C-alpha atoms as a PDB file:
ATOM      1  CA  UNK A   1       9.895 -13.250  12.803  1.00  0.00           C
ATOM      2  CA  UNK A   2      10.742  -9.618  13.041  1.00  0.00           C
ATOM      3  CA  UNK A   3      12.255  -7.680  16.162  1.00  0.00           C
ATOM      4  CA  UNK A   4      10.262  -6.794  19.120  1.00  0.00           C
ATOM      5  CA  UNK A   5       9.564  -3.135  19.835  1.00  0.00           C
ATOM      6  CA  UNK A   6      11.074  -1.713  16.465  1.00  0.00           C
ATOM      7  CA  UNK A   7       9.834  -0.358  13.376  1.00  0.00           C
ATOM      8  CA  UNK A   8      10.680  -2.329  10.231  1.00  0.00           C
ATOM      9  CA  UNK A   9      12.071   0.844   8.563  1.00  0.00           C
ATOM     10  CA  UNK A  10      12.803   4.480   9.785  1.00  0.00           C
ATOM     11  CA  UNK A  11      13.667   7.130   7.387  1.00  0.00           C
ATOM     12  CA  UNK A  12      14.626  10.575   8.872  1.00  0.00           C
ATOM     13  CA  UNK A  13      15.074  13.635   7.067  1.00  0.00           C
ATOM     14  CA  UNK A  14      16.316  11.806   3.849  1.00  0.00           C
ATOM     15  CA  UNK A  15      17.163  13.611   0.794  1.00  0.00           C
ATOM     16  CA  UNK A  16      18.736  12.461  -2.587  1.00  0.00           C
ATOM     17  CA  UNK A  17      19.919  14.644  -5.386  1.00  0.00           C
ATOM     18  CA  UNK A  18      21.107  13.712  -8.866  1.00  0.00           C
ATOM     19  CA  UNK A  19      23.391  16.389 -10.595  1.00  0.00           C
ATOM     20  CA  UNK A  20      22.316  18.677  -7.662  1.00  0.00           C
ATOM     21  CA  UNK A  21      18.562  18.244  -8.709  1.00  0.00           C
ATOM     22  CA  UNK A  22      16.528  16.998  -5.639  1.00  0.00           C
ATOM     23  CA  UNK A  23      14.747  13.745  -6.336  1.00  0.00           C
ATOM     24  CA  UNK A  24      13.645  13.116  -2.739  1.00  0.00           C
ATOM     25  CA  UNK A  25      13.418  16.040  -0.250  1.00  0.00           C
ATOM     26  CA  UNK A  26      13.312  15.736   3.418  1.00  0.00           C
ATOM     27  CA  UNK A  27      11.455  12.405   3.739  1.00  0.00           C
ATOM     28  CA  UNK A  28      10.638  11.316   7.234  1.00  0.00           C
ATOM     29  CA  UNK A  29       8.637   8.196   8.276  1.00  0.00           C
ATOM     30  CA  UNK A  30       8.414   4.972  10.255  1.00  0.00           C
ATOM     31  CA  UNK A  31       6.911   1.837   9.137  1.00  0.00           C
ATOM     32  CA  UNK A  32       5.393  -0.850  11.281  1.00  0.00           C
ATOM     33  CA  UNK A  33       6.554  -4.618  11.166  1.00  0.00           C
ATOM     34  CA  UNK A  34       4.254  -7.510   9.993  1.00  0.00           C
ATOM     35  CA  UNK A  35       2.373  -5.592   7.418  1.00  0.00           C
ATOM     36  CA  UNK A  36       2.156  -5.258   3.691  1.00  0.00           C
ATOM     37  CA  UNK A  37       3.149  -1.551   2.848  1.00  0.00           C
ATOM     38  CA  UNK A  38       2.548   0.124  -0.439  1.00  0.00           C
ATOM     39  CA  UNK A  39       4.779   3.232  -1.605  1.00  0.00           C
ATOM     40  CA  UNK A  40       2.627   5.185  -4.297  1.00  0.00           C
ATOM     41  CA  UNK A  41       3.066   8.328  -6.184  1.00  0.00           C
ATOM     42  CA  UNK A  42       3.435   9.421  -9.799  1.00  0.00           C
ATOM     43  CA  UNK A  43       6.207   8.479 -12.111  1.00  0.00           C
ATOM     44  CA  UNK A  44       9.355  10.501 -11.222  1.00  0.00           C
ATOM     45  CA  UNK A  45       8.183  11.078  -7.673  1.00  0.00           C
ATOM     46  CA  UNK A  46      11.144   9.178  -6.173  1.00  0.00           C
ATOM     47  CA  UNK A  47       9.876   5.926  -5.073  1.00  0.00           C
ATOM     48  CA  UNK A  48      12.458   3.651  -6.543  1.00  0.00           C
ATOM     49  CA  UNK A  49      15.113   6.153  -5.429  1.00  0.00           C
ATOM     50  CA  UNK A  50      13.766   5.972  -1.865  1.00  0.00           C
ATOM     51  CA  UNK A  51      14.295   2.163  -1.969  1.00  0.00           C
ATOM     52  CA  UNK A  52      17.888   2.304  -3.409  1.00  0.00           C
ATOM     53  CA  UNK A  53      18.844   4.963  -0.849  1.00  0.00           C
ATOM     54  CA  UNK A  54      17.370   2.682   2.043  1.00  0.00           C
ATOM     55  CA  UNK A  55      19.301  -0.241   0.741  1.00  0.00           C
ATOM     56  CA  UNK A  56      22.592   1.831   0.200  1.00  0.00           C
ATOM     57  CA  UNK A  57      22.592   1.245  -3.534  1.00  0.00           C
ATOM     58  CA  UNK A  58      22.858   5.149  -4.100  1.00  0.00           C
ATOM     59  CA  UNK A  59      24.154   7.772  -1.696  1.00  0.00           C
ATOM     60  CA  UNK A  60      21.987   9.935   0.366  1.00  0.00           C
ATOM     61  CA  UNK A  61      22.387  13.649   0.219  1.00  0.00           C
ATOM     62  CA  UNK A  62      21.208  13.983   3.760  1.00  0.00           C
ATOM     63  CA  UNK A  63      19.491  12.074   6.451  1.00  0.00           C
ATOM     64  CA  UNK A  64      19.666   8.413   7.324  1.00  0.00           C
ATOM     65  CA  UNK A  65      17.508   5.304   7.451  1.00  0.00           C
ATOM     66  CA  UNK A  66      17.492   2.344   9.869  1.00  0.00           C
ATOM     67  CA  UNK A  67      16.117  -1.279   9.575  1.00  0.00           C
ATOM     68  CA  UNK A  68      14.764  -2.821  12.627  1.00  0.00           C
ATOM     69  CA  UNK A  69      16.441   0.215  14.715  1.00  0.00           C
ATOM     70  CA  UNK A  70      19.915  -0.566  13.301  1.00  0.00           C
ATOM     71  CA  UNK A  71      22.195   0.157  10.405  1.00  0.00           C
ATOM     72  CA  UNK A  72      21.418  -2.040   7.575  1.00  0.00           C
ATOM     73  CA  UNK A  73      24.930  -3.587   7.328  1.00  0.00           C
ATOM     74  CA  UNK A  74      24.458  -5.107  10.823  1.00  0.00           C
ATOM     75  CA  UNK A  75      21.581  -7.103   9.567  1.00  0.00           C
ATOM     76  CA  UNK A  76      21.648  -7.048   5.923  1.00  0.00           C
ATOM     77  CA  UNK A  77      20.949 -10.779   5.569  1.00  0.00           C
ATOM     78  CA  UNK A  78      17.685 -10.134   7.250  1.00  0.00           C
ATOM     79  CA  UNK A  79      16.497  -7.892   4.313  1.00  0.00           C
ATOM     80  CA  UNK A  80      15.668  -9.075   0.847  1.00  0.00           C
ATOM     81  CA  UNK A  81      15.622  -6.543  -2.084  1.00  0.00           C
ATOM     82  CA  UNK A  82      13.934  -7.287  -5.363  1.00  0.00           C
ATOM     83  CA  UNK A  83      14.848  -4.668  -7.844  1.00  0.00           C
ATOM     84  CA  UNK A  84      12.771  -3.802 -10.968  1.00  0.00           C
ATOM     85  CA  UNK A  85      12.669  -6.679 -13.412  1.00  0.00           C
ATOM     86  CA  UNK A  86      14.025  -4.488 -16.201  1.00  0.00           C
ATOM     87  CA  UNK A  87      17.267  -3.542 -14.201  1.00  0.00           C
ATOM     88  CA  UNK A  88      18.394  -7.208 -14.263  1.00  0.00           C
ATOM     89  CA  UNK A  89      20.584  -8.804 -16.947  1.00  0.00           C
ATOM     90  CA  UNK A  90      18.325 -11.749 -17.906  1.00  0.00           C
ATOM     91  CA  UNK A  91      20.958 -12.965 -20.475  1.00  0.00           C
ATOM     92  CA  UNK A  92      23.183 -14.023 -17.514  1.00  0.00           C
ATOM     93  CA  UNK A  93      23.975 -17.684 -17.979  1.00  0.00           C
ATOM     94  CA  UNK A  94      22.111 -19.136 -14.738  1.00  0.00           C
ATOM     95  CA  UNK A  95      19.272 -21.508 -14.117  1.00  0.00           C
ATOM     96  CA  UNK A  96      16.354 -20.768 -11.964  1.00  0.00           C
ATOM     97  CA  UNK A  97      17.931 -23.123  -9.177  1.00  0.00           C
ATOM     98  CA  UNK A  98      21.231 -21.080  -9.520  1.00  0.00           C
ATOM     99  CA  UNK A  99      19.526 -17.768  -9.045  1.00  0.00           C
ATOM    100  CA  UNK A 100      17.291 -18.974  -5.962  1.00  0.00           C
ATOM    101  CA  UNK A 101      20.491 -20.489  -4.324  1.00  0.00           C
ATOM    102  CA  UNK A 102      21.985 -16.962  -4.323  1.00  0.00           C
ATOM    103  CA  UNK A 103      19.803 -16.482  -1.475  1.00  0.00           C
ATOM    104  CA  UNK A 104      21.527 -18.989   0.839  1.00  0.00           C
ATOM    105  CA  UNK A 105      25.026 -17.447   0.200  1.00  0.00           C
ATOM    106  CA  UNK A 106      26.136 -15.397   3.202  1.00  0.00           C
ATOM    107  CA  UNK A 107      28.394 -12.477   3.255  1.00  0.00           C
ATOM    108  CA  UNK A 108      32.007 -13.610   3.015  1.00  0.00           C
ATOM    109  CA  UNK A 109      31.017 -17.208   2.309  1.00  0.00           C
ATOM    110  CA  UNK A 110      30.241 -16.828  -1.297  1.00  0.00           C
ATOM    111  CA  UNK A 111      32.353 -19.757  -2.448  1.00  0.00           C
ATOM    112  CA  UNK A 112      31.232 -22.249   0.198  1.00  0.00           C
ATOM    113  CA  UNK A 113      29.186 -25.240  -0.774  1.00  0.00           C
ATOM    114  CA  UNK A 114      25.531 -25.190  -0.007  1.00  0.00           C
ATOM    115  CA  UNK A 115      24.534 -27.666   2.786  1.00  0.00           C
ATOM    116  CA  UNK A 116      21.829 -30.289   2.215  1.00  0.00           C
ATOM    117  CA  UNK A 117      19.572 -27.956   4.340  1.00  0.00           C
ATOM    118  CA  UNK A 118      20.389 -25.031   2.023  1.00  0.00           C
ATOM    119  CA  UNK A 119      19.536 -27.010  -0.928  1.00  0.00           C
ATOM    120  CA  UNK A 120      16.131 -28.132   0.511  1.00  0.00           C
ATOM    121  CA  UNK A 121      15.194 -24.508   1.340  1.00  0.00           C
ATOM    122  CA  UNK A 122      16.169 -23.591  -2.240  1.00  0.00           C
ATOM    123  CA  UNK A 123      13.879 -26.270  -3.484  1.00  0.00           C
ATOM    124  CA  UNK A 124      11.073 -25.495  -1.091  1.00  0.00           C
ATOM    125  CA  UNK A 125      11.306 -21.655  -2.214  1.00  0.00           C
ATOM    126  CA  UNK A 126      11.025 -22.792  -5.956  1.00  0.00           C
ATOM    127  CA  UNK A 127       7.957 -24.741  -5.087  1.00  0.00           C
ATOM    128  CA  UNK A 128       6.385 -22.007  -3.258  1.00  0.00           C
ATOM    129  CA  UNK A 129       6.331 -19.804  -6.311  1.00  0.00           C
ATOM    130  CA  UNK A 130       5.279 -22.766  -8.638  1.00  0.00           C
ATOM    131  CA  UNK A 131       8.394 -23.107 -10.507  1.00  0.00           C
ATOM    132  CA  UNK A 132       9.615 -26.701  -9.817  1.00  0.00           C
ATOM    133  CA  UNK A 133       9.120 -27.791 -13.538  1.00  0.00           C
ATOM    134  CA  UNK A 134      11.313 -24.999 -14.395  1.00  0.00           C
ATOM    135  CA  UNK A 135      14.206 -25.336 -11.945  1.00  0.00           C
ATOM    136  CA  UNK A 136      16.749 -26.170 -14.525  1.00  0.00           C
ATOM    137  CA  UNK A 137      15.654 -23.784 -17.124  1.00  0.00           C
ATOM    138  CA  UNK A 138      17.889 -20.704 -17.941  1.00  0.00           C
ATOM    139  CA  UNK A 139      16.369 -17.657 -16.685  1.00  0.00           C
ATOM    140  CA  UNK A 140      16.406 -15.862 -20.179  1.00  0.00           C
ATOM    141  CA  UNK A 141      14.071 -18.509 -21.414  1.00  0.00           C
ATOM    142  CA  UNK A 142      11.307 -17.536 -18.841  1.00  0.00           C
ATOM    143  CA  UNK A 143       8.353 -15.263 -19.296  1.00  0.00           C
ATOM    144  CA  UNK A 144       8.384 -11.862 -17.513  1.00  0.00           C
ATOM    145  CA  UNK A 145       6.084 -13.278 -14.693  1.00  0.00           C
ATOM    146  CA  UNK A 146       8.218 -16.341 -14.221  1.00  0.00           C
ATOM    147  CA  UNK A 147      11.316 -14.111 -13.836  1.00  0.00           C
ATOM    148  CA  UNK A 148       9.804 -12.106 -11.163  1.00  0.00           C
ATOM    149  CA  UNK A 149       8.802 -15.220  -9.251  1.00  0.00           C
ATOM    150  CA  UNK A 150      12.471 -16.378  -9.471  1.00  0.00           C
ATOM    151  CA  UNK A 151      13.589 -13.408  -7.561  1.00  0.00           C
ATOM    152  CA  UNK A 152      10.718 -13.731  -4.985  1.00  0.00           C
ATOM    153  CA  UNK A 153      11.926 -17.309  -4.546  1.00  0.00           C
ATOM    154  CA  UNK A 154      15.487 -16.081  -4.060  1.00  0.00           C
ATOM    155  CA  UNK A 155      14.119 -13.576  -1.236  1.00  0.00           C
ATOM    156  CA  UNK A 156      12.060 -16.547   0.144  1.00  0.00           C
ATOM    157  CA  UNK A 157      15.246 -18.696   0.243  1.00  0.00           C
ATOM    158  CA  UNK A 158      17.260 -16.134   2.115  1.00  0.00           C
ATOM    159  CA  UNK A 159      14.773 -16.296   4.906  1.00  0.00           C
ATOM    160  CA  UNK A 160      14.663 -12.476   5.449  1.00  0.00           C
ATOM    161  CA  UNK A 161      12.302 -10.709   7.802  1.00  0.00           C
ATOM    162  CA  UNK A 162      11.814  -7.664   5.513  1.00  0.00           C
ATOM    163  CA  UNK A 163      11.132  -7.810   1.855  1.00  0.00           C
ATOM    164  CA  UNK A 164      11.721  -4.429  -0.188  1.00  0.00           C
ATOM    165  CA  UNK A 165      10.225  -4.959  -3.713  1.00  0.00           C
ATOM    166  CA  UNK A 166      10.475  -2.306  -6.568  1.00  0.00           C
ATOM    167  CA  UNK A 167       7.365  -2.742  -8.911  1.00  0.00           C
ATOM    168  CA  UNK A 168       7.119  -6.551  -8.645  1.00  0.00           C
ATOM    169  CA  UNK A 169       3.781  -6.454 -10.774  1.00  0.00           C
ATOM    170  CA  UNK A 170       5.003  -4.478 -13.732  1.00  0.00           C
ATOM    171  CA  UNK A 171       4.979  -6.704 -16.800  1.00  0.00           C
ATOM    172  CA  UNK A 172       3.089  -9.630 -15.339  1.00  0.00           C
ATOM    173  CA  UNK A 173      -0.494 -10.765 -16.091  1.00  0.00           C
ATOM    174  CA  UNK A 174      -3.208 -10.812 -13.673  1.00  0.00           C
ATOM    175  CA  UNK A 175      -2.995 -14.481 -12.794  1.00  0.00           C
ATOM    176  CA  UNK A 176       0.665 -14.167 -11.833  1.00  0.00           C
ATOM    177  CA  UNK A 177      -0.017 -10.960  -9.837  1.00  0.00           C
ATOM    178  CA  UNK A 178      -2.544 -12.670  -7.788  1.00  0.00           C
ATOM    179  CA  UNK A 179      -0.194 -15.606  -7.312  1.00  0.00           C
ATOM    180  CA  UNK A 180       2.627 -13.360  -6.159  1.00  0.00           C
ATOM    181  CA  UNK A 181       0.073 -11.660  -3.859  1.00  0.00           C
ATOM    182  CA  UNK A 182      -0.924 -14.856  -2.220  1.00  0.00           C
ATOM    183  CA  UNK A 183       2.718 -15.509  -1.487  1.00  0.00           C
ATOM    184  CA  UNK A 184       3.061 -12.121   0.227  1.00  0.00           C
ATOM    185  CA  UNK A 185       0.049 -12.650   2.153  1.00  0.00           C
ATOM    186  CA  UNK A 186       1.410 -15.956   3.630  1.00  0.00           C
ATOM    187  CA  UNK A 187       4.709 -14.110   4.416  1.00  0.00           C
ATOM    188  CA  UNK A 188       2.760 -11.466   6.420  1.00  0.00           C
ATOM    189  CA  UNK A 189       0.940 -14.306   8.351  1.00  0.00           C
ATOM    190  CA  UNK A 190       4.442 -15.294   9.497  1.00  0.00           C
ATOM    191  CA  UNK A 191       5.196 -12.114  10.938  1.00  0.00           C
ATOM    192  CA  UNK A 192       7.372 -10.758   7.860  1.00  0.00           C
ATOM    193  CA  UNK A 193       7.052  -7.186   6.502  1.00  0.00           C
ATOM    194  CA  UNK A 194       6.818  -6.449   2.880  1.00  0.00           C
ATOM    195  CA  UNK A 195       7.226  -3.019   1.291  1.00  0.00           C
ATOM    196  CA  UNK A 196       6.184  -2.509  -2.417  1.00  0.00           C
ATOM    197  CA  UNK A 197       6.618   0.291  -4.686  1.00  0.00           C
ATOM    198  CA  UNK A 198       3.364   0.120  -6.546  1.00  0.00           C
ATOM    199  CA  UNK A 199       1.755   1.932  -9.431  1.00  0.00           C
ATOM    200  CA  UNK A 200      -1.783   0.895  -9.730  1.00  0.00           C
ATOM    201  CA  UNK A 201      -4.232   2.777  -7.435  1.00  0.00           C
ATOM    202  CA  UNK A 202      -7.204   0.587  -8.204  1.00  0.00           C
ATOM    203  CA  UNK A 203      -5.609  -2.426  -6.279  1.00  0.00           C
ATOM    204  CA  UNK A 204      -4.263  -0.599  -3.206  1.00  0.00           C
ATOM    205  CA  UNK A 205      -7.353  -1.336  -1.011  1.00  0.00           C
ATOM    206  CA  UNK A 206      -6.902  -5.167  -1.895  1.00  0.00           C
ATOM    207  CA  UNK A 207      -3.181  -5.295  -1.572  1.00  0.00           C
ATOM    208  CA  UNK A 208      -1.884  -3.078   1.383  1.00  0.00           C
ATOM    209  CA  UNK A 209      -2.371  -2.462   5.019  1.00  0.00           C
ATOM    210  CA  UNK A 210      -0.342   0.594   5.209  1.00  0.00           C
ATOM    211  CA  UNK A 211       0.450   3.248   2.728  1.00  0.00           C
ATOM    212  CA  UNK A 212       3.354   5.799   2.061  1.00  0.00           C
ATOM    213  CA  UNK A 213       2.204   8.563  -0.422  1.00  0.00           C
ATOM    214  CA  UNK A 214       4.822  10.743  -2.101  1.00  0.00           C
ATOM    215  CA  UNK A 215       5.740  13.227  -4.624  1.00  0.00           C
ATOM    216  CA  UNK A 216       9.451  14.067  -4.159  1.00  0.00           C
ATOM    217  CA  UNK A 217       8.386  14.988  -0.732  1.00  0.00           C
ATOM    218  CA  UNK A 218       6.477  12.819   1.772  1.00  0.00           C
ATOM    219  CA  UNK A 219       2.562  13.461   1.413  1.00  0.00           C
ATOM    220  CA  UNK A 220       1.197  11.024   3.947  1.00  0.00           C
ATOM    221  CA  UNK A 221       1.884   7.667   5.638  1.00  0.00           C
ATOM    222  CA  UNK A 222      -0.310   5.625   7.830  1.00  0.00           C
ATOM    223  CA  UNK A 223      -2.897   2.875   7.927  1.00  0.00           C
ATOM    224  CA  UNK A 224      -4.544   2.656   4.405  1.00  0.00           C
ATOM    225  CA  UNK A 225      -8.055   3.783   5.385  1.00  0.00           C
ATOM    226  CA  UNK A 226      -6.658   6.818   7.249  1.00  0.00           C
ATOM    227  CA  UNK A 227      -4.296   8.158   4.517  1.00  0.00           C
ATOM    228  CA  UNK A 228      -6.142   7.289   1.380  1.00  0.00           C
ATOM    229  CA  UNK A 229      -8.269  10.419   1.266  1.00  0.00           C
ATOM    230  CA  UNK A 230      -9.164  12.615  -1.625  1.00  0.00           C
ATOM    231  CA  UNK A 231      -6.972  15.388  -0.195  1.00  0.00           C
ATOM    232  CA  UNK A 232      -4.022  13.139  -0.244  1.00  0.00           C
ATOM    233  CA  UNK A 233      -4.610  11.773  -3.602  1.00  0.00           C
ATOM    234  CA  UNK A 234      -4.759  15.309  -5.021  1.00  0.00           C
ATOM    235  CA  UNK A 235      -1.497  16.405  -3.185  1.00  0.00           C
ATOM    236  CA  UNK A 236       0.280  13.326  -4.527  1.00  0.00           C
ATOM    237  CA  UNK A 237      -0.929  13.168  -7.988  1.00  0.00           C
ATOM    238  CA  UNK A 238      -2.523  16.518  -8.797  1.00  0.00           C
ATOM    239  CA  UNK A 239      -3.603  16.858 -12.411  1.00  0.00           C
ATOM    240  CA  UNK A 240      -2.299  13.157 -13.135  1.00  0.00           C
ATOM    241  CA  UNK A 241      -5.267  11.707 -10.976  1.00  0.00           C
ATOM    242  CA  UNK A 242      -7.940  11.102 -13.634  1.00  0.00           C
ATOM    243  CA  UNK A 243     -11.683  11.285 -13.257  1.00  0.00           C
ATOM    244  CA  UNK A 244     -11.868   7.327 -13.358  1.00  0.00           C
ATOM    245  CA  UNK A 245      -9.432   6.822 -10.539  1.00  0.00           C
ATOM    246  CA  UNK A 246     -11.353   9.499  -8.296  1.00  0.00           C
ATOM    247  CA  UNK A 247     -14.566   7.774  -8.933  1.00  0.00           C
ATOM    248  CA  UNK A 248     -13.349   4.274  -8.035  1.00  0.00           C
ATOM    249  CA  UNK A 249     -11.896   5.591  -4.866  1.00  0.00           C
ATOM    250  CA  UNK A 250     -15.192   7.350  -3.844  1.00  0.00           C
ATOM    251  CA  UNK A 251     -17.173   4.264  -4.630  1.00  0.00           C
ATOM    252  CA  UNK A 252     -14.815   2.197  -2.644  1.00  0.00           C
ATOM    253  CA  UNK A 253     -14.969   4.580   0.366  1.00  0.00           C
ATOM    254  CA  UNK A 254     -18.736   4.199   0.339  1.00  0.00           C
ATOM    255  CA  UNK A 255     -18.350   0.301   0.205  1.00  0.00           C
ATOM    256  CA  UNK A 256     -19.664   0.059  -3.482  1.00  0.00           C
ATOM    257  CA  UNK A 257     -17.929  -2.510  -5.769  1.00  0.00           C
ATOM    258  CA  UNK A 258     -14.973  -0.949  -7.793  1.00  0.00           C
ATOM    259  CA  UNK A 259     -15.738  -2.832 -10.917  1.00  0.00           C
ATOM    260  CA  UNK A 260     -19.100  -3.637 -12.710  1.00  0.00           C
ATOM    261  CA  UNK A 261     -19.949  -7.075 -13.285  1.00  0.00           C
ATOM    262  CA  UNK A 262     -18.136  -8.402 -16.466  1.00  0.00           C
ATOM    263  CA  UNK A 263     -15.545  -5.630 -16.265  1.00  0.00           C
ATOM    264  CA  UNK A 264     -12.345  -6.880 -18.173  1.00  0.00           C
ATOM    265  CA  UNK A 265      -9.416  -6.617 -15.494  1.00  0.00           C
ATOM    266  CA  UNK A 266      -6.509  -6.678 -17.719  1.00  0.00           C
END
């Protein structure tokens, strides 16, 4: 479970620059616990940079962030970070079980043998993402969707309270996406918090409780139905927001179905 009385993530006046060019500028927000949070914005808007700054992977130019009201280093084991699949070396010689087991190694105990309990938690995590039959397979031999599920299993094995995921649905088919989403909903039911960088506006209503909209600067954050307005969409995407997306949003707002019967969802 999470931590009583605290936000899952706090970001205060956070800025990040590459070669003195701002990528994030004065971002400030708080996220609640126990919800599935989407971070949306156009390409190059700083979404992935935001996650990396929160996780301490890249330096902040200014500002700070907290996890459950504390510095990340004081409870790093309670946070699972799943990077973009393309940033991972999939040729590394490791099996599915090897990768998932990494979620059970604690800081300073990397060479300690896993206990029987640890091994059972690893097996349970692999089962939850439906990869038991592939547990001894090299990760390079898996499909893109299977690889993504391996890293979700590693996060599950870790037993974290906060899951930070960078574009987990990129390069996976719709069936895999729905399977991953089902796992995330179950995590939410257990009080876990899931924060996802997401690219598909058509699915935000189905996936998220809470939304962060950004384009280098923060545009809006809050409960989905409050912040998903045409004004905020325009401020976030500008000319990149095509007519189809606008119409789908308006239909959804009026409780009409997003897709016509027989619509191909690929």
